[in-house]
């Protein structure tokens, strides 16, 4: 390897020659993920508005109504989660009981 080639090596090239690489931090992973998420949200919103079956005024009224109903829906979430947990627990108990009966 000539001196000119050695001078042209950057940090990553040198570390690669040694079988090493620079340590990536969380920002190196987070920024591209958030960028893709943001683009996806924008594209999804745009497509949703383009294919919406209602005119803009009706759509805005529907969105406003759903926003007003959101606190009540959020208050019901723990109850719905509890009900779902009991259903799953009952199904698991039935499966375990059926398994023991066959054994």
N, C-alpha and C. Protein backbone atom coordinates (compact mmCIF):
# COMPACT_ATOMS: atom_id res chain seq x y z
N UNK A 1 0.85 -1.16 0.00
CA UNK A 1 0.00 0.00 0.00
C UNK A 1 0.90 1.23 0.00
N UNK A 2 0.60 2.16 -0.88
CA UNK A 2 1.43 3.35 -1.00
C UNK A 2 1.02 4.38 0.04
N UNK A 3 1.90 5.35 0.22
CA UNK A 3 1.65 6.42 1.20
C UNK A 3 0.44 7.26 0.79
N UNK A 4 0.24 7.46 -0.51
CA UNK A 4 -0.91 8.24 -0.97
C UNK A 4 -2.23 7.53 -0.63
N UNK A 5 -2.23 6.20 -0.80
CA UNK A 5 -3.45 5.46 -0.46
C UNK A 5 -3.72 5.50 1.03
N UNK A 6 -2.66 5.43 1.82
CA UNK A 6 -2.83 5.49 3.28
C UNK A 6 -3.37 6.85 3.68
N UNK A 7 -2.87 7.90 3.04
CA UNK A 7 -3.35 9.25 3.36
C UNK A 7 -4.81 9.44 2.97
N UNK A 8 -5.26 8.74 1.95
CA UNK A 8 -6.64 8.92 1.49
C UNK A 8 -7.65 8.11 2.30
N UNK A 9 -7.16 7.23 3.18
CA UNK A 9 -8.08 6.45 4.00
C UNK A 9 -8.75 7.32 5.04
N UNK A 10 -10.05 7.11 5.22
CA UNK A 10 -10.72 7.82 6.31
C UNK A 10 -10.85 6.87 7.50
N UNK A 11 -11.46 7.34 8.55
CA UNK A 11 -11.54 6.57 9.78
C UNK A 11 -12.26 5.23 9.56
N UNK A 12 -13.36 5.24 8.82
CA UNK A 12 -14.12 4.02 8.59
C UNK A 12 -13.33 3.00 7.77
N UNK A 13 -12.57 3.48 6.77
CA UNK A 13 -11.75 2.57 5.97
C UNK A 13 -10.69 1.89 6.84
N UNK A 14 -10.05 2.66 7.69
CA UNK A 14 -9.00 2.12 8.55
C UNK A 14 -9.59 1.10 9.54
N UNK A 15 -10.71 1.44 10.15
CA UNK A 15 -11.34 0.51 11.08
C UNK A 15 -11.80 -0.76 10.36
N UNK A 16 -12.29 -0.62 9.13
CA UNK A 16 -12.73 -1.77 8.34
C UNK A 16 -11.54 -2.70 8.05
N UNK A 17 -10.39 -2.15 7.80
CA UNK A 17 -9.20 -2.97 7.57
C UNK A 17 -8.84 -3.79 8.80
N UNK A 18 -9.15 -3.23 9.98
CA UNK A 18 -8.86 -3.94 11.22
C UNK A 18 -9.99 -4.87 11.63
N UNK A 19 -11.06 -4.87 10.86
CA UNK A 19 -12.21 -5.70 11.21
C UNK A 19 -13.11 -5.07 12.24
N UNK A 20 -13.04 -3.76 12.34
CA UNK A 20 -13.85 -3.03 13.31
C UNK A 20 -14.76 -2.05 12.59
N UNK A 21 -15.68 -1.47 13.35
CA UNK A 21 -16.54 -0.43 12.79
C UNK A 21 -16.88 0.56 13.88
N UNK A 22 -17.31 1.73 13.48
CA UNK A 22 -17.68 2.74 14.46
C UNK A 22 -18.97 2.33 15.16
N UNK A 23 -19.07 2.70 16.40
CA UNK A 23 -20.25 2.36 17.18
C UNK A 23 -21.38 3.31 16.80
N UNK A 24 -22.53 2.71 16.48
CA UNK A 24 -23.70 3.52 16.13
C UNK A 24 -24.47 3.81 17.40
N UNK A 25 -24.94 5.04 17.52
CA UNK A 25 -25.73 5.38 18.69
C UNK A 25 -27.22 5.34 18.35
N UNK A 26 -28.05 5.61 19.32
CA UNK A 26 -29.50 5.51 19.14
C UNK A 26 -30.03 6.47 18.08
N UNK A 27 -29.41 7.62 17.96
CA UNK A 27 -29.87 8.61 16.99
C UNK A 27 -29.71 8.07 15.57
N UNK A 28 -28.67 7.29 15.34
CA UNK A 28 -28.45 6.71 14.01
C UNK A 28 -29.59 5.78 13.60
N UNK A 29 -30.26 5.20 14.55
CA UNK A 29 -31.40 4.33 14.26
C UNK A 29 -32.72 5.09 14.31
N UNK A 30 -32.82 6.05 15.22
CA UNK A 30 -34.07 6.73 15.48
C UNK A 30 -34.47 7.71 14.38
N UNK A 31 -33.53 8.48 13.88
CA UNK A 31 -33.85 9.51 12.89
C UNK A 31 -34.44 8.91 11.61
N UNK A 32 -33.82 7.88 11.01
CA UNK A 32 -34.45 7.31 9.81
C UNK A 32 -35.82 6.69 10.10
N UNK A 33 -35.97 6.06 11.26
CA UNK A 33 -37.26 5.46 11.60
C UNK A 33 -38.34 6.52 11.74
N UNK A 34 -38.02 7.61 12.44
CA UNK A 34 -39.00 8.69 12.61
C UNK A 34 -39.31 9.38 11.28
N UNK A 35 -38.32 9.50 10.43
CA UNK A 35 -38.54 10.10 9.12
C UNK A 35 -39.50 9.25 8.30
N UNK A 36 -39.26 7.95 8.27
CA UNK A 36 -40.15 7.06 7.53
C UNK A 36 -41.56 7.06 8.12
N UNK A 37 -41.65 7.09 9.44
CA UNK A 37 -42.95 7.14 10.09
C UNK A 37 -43.69 8.41 9.71
N UNK A 38 -43.00 9.55 9.74
CA UNK A 38 -43.62 10.82 9.38
C UNK A 38 -44.09 10.84 7.93
N UNK A 39 -43.28 10.33 7.04
CA UNK A 39 -43.68 10.26 5.63
C UNK A 39 -44.89 9.36 5.48
N UNK A 40 -44.90 8.24 6.19
CA UNK A 40 -46.04 7.33 6.13
C UNK A 40 -47.32 7.98 6.63
N UNK A 41 -47.20 8.75 7.71
CA UNK A 41 -48.38 9.45 8.24
C UNK A 41 -48.89 10.46 7.22
N UNK A 42 -48.00 11.21 6.63
CA UNK A 42 -48.42 12.22 5.65
C UNK A 42 -49.05 11.58 4.43
N UNK A 43 -48.44 10.54 3.92
CA UNK A 43 -48.99 9.86 2.74
C UNK A 43 -50.34 9.23 3.07
N UNK A 44 -50.43 8.57 4.22
CA UNK A 44 -51.69 7.96 4.62
C UNK A 44 -52.80 8.97 4.80
N UNK A 45 -52.47 10.10 5.40
CA UNK A 45 -53.46 11.16 5.58
C UNK A 45 -53.92 11.70 4.23
N UNK A 46 -52.99 11.93 3.36
CA UNK A 46 -53.33 12.44 2.03
C UNK A 46 -54.22 11.48 1.26
N UNK A 47 -53.86 10.22 1.28
CA UNK A 47 -54.68 9.22 0.56
C UNK A 47 -56.06 9.13 1.20
N UNK A 48 -56.10 9.17 2.52
CA UNK A 48 -57.38 9.11 3.21
C UNK A 48 -58.29 10.26 2.85
N UNK A 49 -57.72 11.44 2.75
CA UNK A 49 -58.53 12.61 2.37
C UNK A 49 -58.95 12.55 0.90
N UNK A 50 -58.11 12.00 0.06
CA UNK A 50 -58.46 11.90 -1.36
C UNK A 50 -59.58 10.91 -1.63
N UNK A 51 -59.61 9.83 -0.88
CA UNK A 51 -60.62 8.81 -1.13
C UNK A 51 -61.79 8.89 -0.15
N UNK A 52 -61.83 9.94 0.64
CA UNK A 52 -62.91 10.10 1.61
C UNK A 52 -64.24 10.21 0.87
N UNK A 53 -65.27 9.48 1.35
CA UNK A 53 -66.55 9.49 0.65
C UNK A 53 -67.41 10.71 0.95
N UNK A 54 -66.91 11.65 1.73
CA UNK A 54 -67.69 12.82 2.11
C UNK A 54 -66.99 14.10 1.68
N UNK A 55 -67.77 15.15 1.53
CA UNK A 55 -67.15 16.45 1.26
C UNK A 55 -66.38 16.93 2.49
N UNK A 56 -65.54 17.91 2.31
CA UNK A 56 -64.68 18.42 3.36
C UNK A 56 -65.41 18.86 4.61
N UNK A 57 -66.52 19.56 4.45
CA UNK A 57 -67.25 20.07 5.60
C UNK A 57 -67.77 18.91 6.46
N UNK A 58 -68.37 17.91 5.83
CA UNK A 58 -68.88 16.76 6.58
C UNK A 58 -67.74 16.00 7.25
N UNK A 59 -66.62 15.88 6.56
CA UNK A 59 -65.48 15.18 7.12
C UNK A 59 -64.96 15.93 8.34
N UNK A 60 -64.85 17.25 8.26
CA UNK A 60 -64.39 18.03 9.41
C UNK A 60 -65.35 17.92 10.59
N UNK A 61 -66.67 17.91 10.31
CA UNK A 61 -67.65 17.77 11.38
C UNK A 61 -67.53 16.39 12.04
N UNK A 62 -67.31 15.36 11.22
CA UNK A 62 -67.15 14.01 11.75
C UNK A 62 -65.89 13.92 12.61
N UNK A 63 -64.80 14.52 12.16
CA UNK A 63 -63.56 14.51 12.94
C UNK A 63 -63.76 15.25 14.25
N UNK A 64 -64.43 16.39 14.22
CA UNK A 64 -64.69 17.15 15.44
C UNK A 64 -65.55 16.35 16.41
N UNK A 65 -66.55 15.65 15.90
CA UNK A 65 -67.41 14.84 16.75
C UNK A 65 -66.62 13.70 17.40
N UNK A 66 -65.76 13.06 16.62
CA UNK A 66 -64.95 11.97 17.18
C UNK A 66 -63.97 12.48 18.22
N UNK A 67 -63.45 13.67 18.02
CA UNK A 67 -62.54 14.25 19.02
C UNK A 67 -63.30 14.54 20.31
N UNK A 68 -64.53 15.00 20.19
CA UNK A 68 -65.34 15.26 21.39
C UNK A 68 -65.68 13.96 22.11
N UNK A 69 -65.84 12.86 21.39
CA UNK A 69 -66.18 11.58 21.99
C UNK A 69 -64.94 10.85 22.53
N UNK A 70 -63.76 11.32 22.18
CA UNK A 70 -62.53 10.62 22.55
C UNK A 70 -62.37 10.45 24.06
N UNK A 71 -62.64 11.46 24.90
CA UNK A 71 -62.47 11.24 26.35
C UNK A 71 -63.35 10.11 26.88
N UNK A 72 -64.59 10.01 26.42
CA UNK A 72 -65.47 8.93 26.88
C UNK A 72 -64.94 7.57 26.42
N UNK A 73 -64.46 7.52 25.19
CA UNK A 73 -63.89 6.26 24.69
C UNK A 73 -62.64 5.88 25.46
N UNK A 74 -61.81 6.86 25.78
CA UNK A 74 -60.59 6.59 26.55
C UNK A 74 -60.94 6.10 27.95
N UNK A 75 -62.01 6.64 28.54
CA UNK A 75 -62.42 6.21 29.88
C UNK A 75 -62.90 4.77 29.87
N UNK A 76 -63.43 4.30 28.74
CA UNK A 76 -63.92 2.93 28.65
C UNK A 76 -62.81 1.92 28.33
N UNK A 77 -61.63 2.40 27.96
CA UNK A 77 -60.54 1.49 27.59
C UNK A 77 -60.16 0.52 28.70
N UNK A 78 -59.99 0.96 29.96
CA UNK A 78 -59.62 -0.02 30.99
C UNK A 78 -60.67 -1.13 31.15
N UNK A 79 -61.94 -0.76 31.09
CA UNK A 79 -63.00 -1.75 31.21
C UNK A 79 -62.95 -2.74 30.04
N UNK A 80 -62.77 -2.24 28.84
CA UNK A 80 -62.70 -3.11 27.67
C UNK A 80 -61.47 -4.02 27.73
N UNK A 81 -60.35 -3.48 28.21
CA UNK A 81 -59.13 -4.29 28.34
C UNK A 81 -59.34 -5.39 29.39
N UNK A 82 -60.00 -5.04 30.49
CA UNK A 82 -60.28 -6.02 31.53
C UNK A 82 -61.17 -7.14 31.00
N UNK A 83 -62.20 -6.78 30.23
CA UNK A 83 -63.09 -7.78 29.64
C UNK A 83 -62.34 -8.69 28.68
N UNK A 84 -61.48 -8.09 27.87
CA UNK A 84 -60.69 -8.89 26.92
C UNK A 84 -59.75 -9.83 27.66
N UNK A 85 -59.15 -9.35 28.75
CA UNK A 85 -58.25 -10.19 29.53
C UNK A 85 -59.01 -11.37 30.13
N UNK A 86 -60.22 -11.13 30.63
CA UNK A 86 -61.02 -12.22 31.19
C UNK A 86 -61.42 -13.24 30.11
N UNK A 87 -61.76 -12.75 28.92
CA UNK A 87 -62.10 -13.68 27.83
C UNK A 87 -60.91 -14.57 27.48
N UNK A 88 -59.75 -13.97 27.37
CA UNK A 88 -58.55 -14.74 27.03
C UNK A 88 -58.21 -15.71 28.16
N UNK A 89 -58.33 -15.25 29.39
CA UNK A 89 -58.06 -16.10 30.54
C UNK A 89 -59.01 -17.30 30.57
N UNK A 90 -60.28 -17.05 30.27
CA UNK A 90 -61.24 -18.15 30.22
C UNK A 90 -60.90 -19.13 29.11
N UNK A 91 -60.49 -18.62 27.95
CA UNK A 91 -60.12 -19.50 26.84
C UNK A 91 -58.90 -20.34 27.19
N UNK A 92 -57.94 -19.73 27.86
CA UNK A 92 -56.73 -20.48 28.25
C UNK A 92 -57.10 -21.55 29.27
N UNK A 93 -57.96 -21.19 30.24
CA UNK A 93 -58.38 -22.17 31.24
C UNK A 93 -59.10 -23.35 30.59
N UNK A 94 -59.97 -23.05 29.62
CA UNK A 94 -60.68 -24.13 28.92
C UNK A 94 -59.70 -25.04 28.18
N UNK A 95 -58.71 -24.43 27.51
CA UNK A 95 -57.72 -25.23 26.77
C UNK A 95 -56.93 -26.11 27.72
N UNK A 96 -56.53 -25.54 28.88
CA UNK A 96 -55.78 -26.32 29.85
C UNK A 96 -56.63 -27.46 30.41
N UNK A 97 -57.90 -27.16 30.69
CA UNK A 97 -58.79 -28.18 31.21
C UNK A 97 -59.01 -29.29 30.18
N UNK A 98 -59.21 -28.91 28.92
CA UNK A 98 -59.38 -29.90 27.86
C UNK A 98 -58.12 -30.74 27.69
N UNK A 99 -56.96 -30.11 27.82
CA UNK A 99 -55.69 -30.85 27.69
C UNK A 99 -55.53 -31.84 28.82
N UNK A 100 -55.91 -31.47 30.03
CA UNK A 100 -55.80 -32.39 31.17
C UNK A 100 -56.80 -33.53 31.05
N UNK A 101 -57.99 -33.25 30.47
CA UNK A 101 -59.00 -34.29 30.32
C UNK A 101 -58.55 -35.34 29.31
N UNK A 102 -57.80 -34.93 28.29
CA UNK A 102 -57.33 -35.88 27.28
C UNK A 102 -56.13 -36.68 27.76
N UNK A 103 -55.43 -36.16 28.74
CA UNK A 103 -54.20 -36.82 29.21
C UNK A 103 -54.45 -37.92 30.17
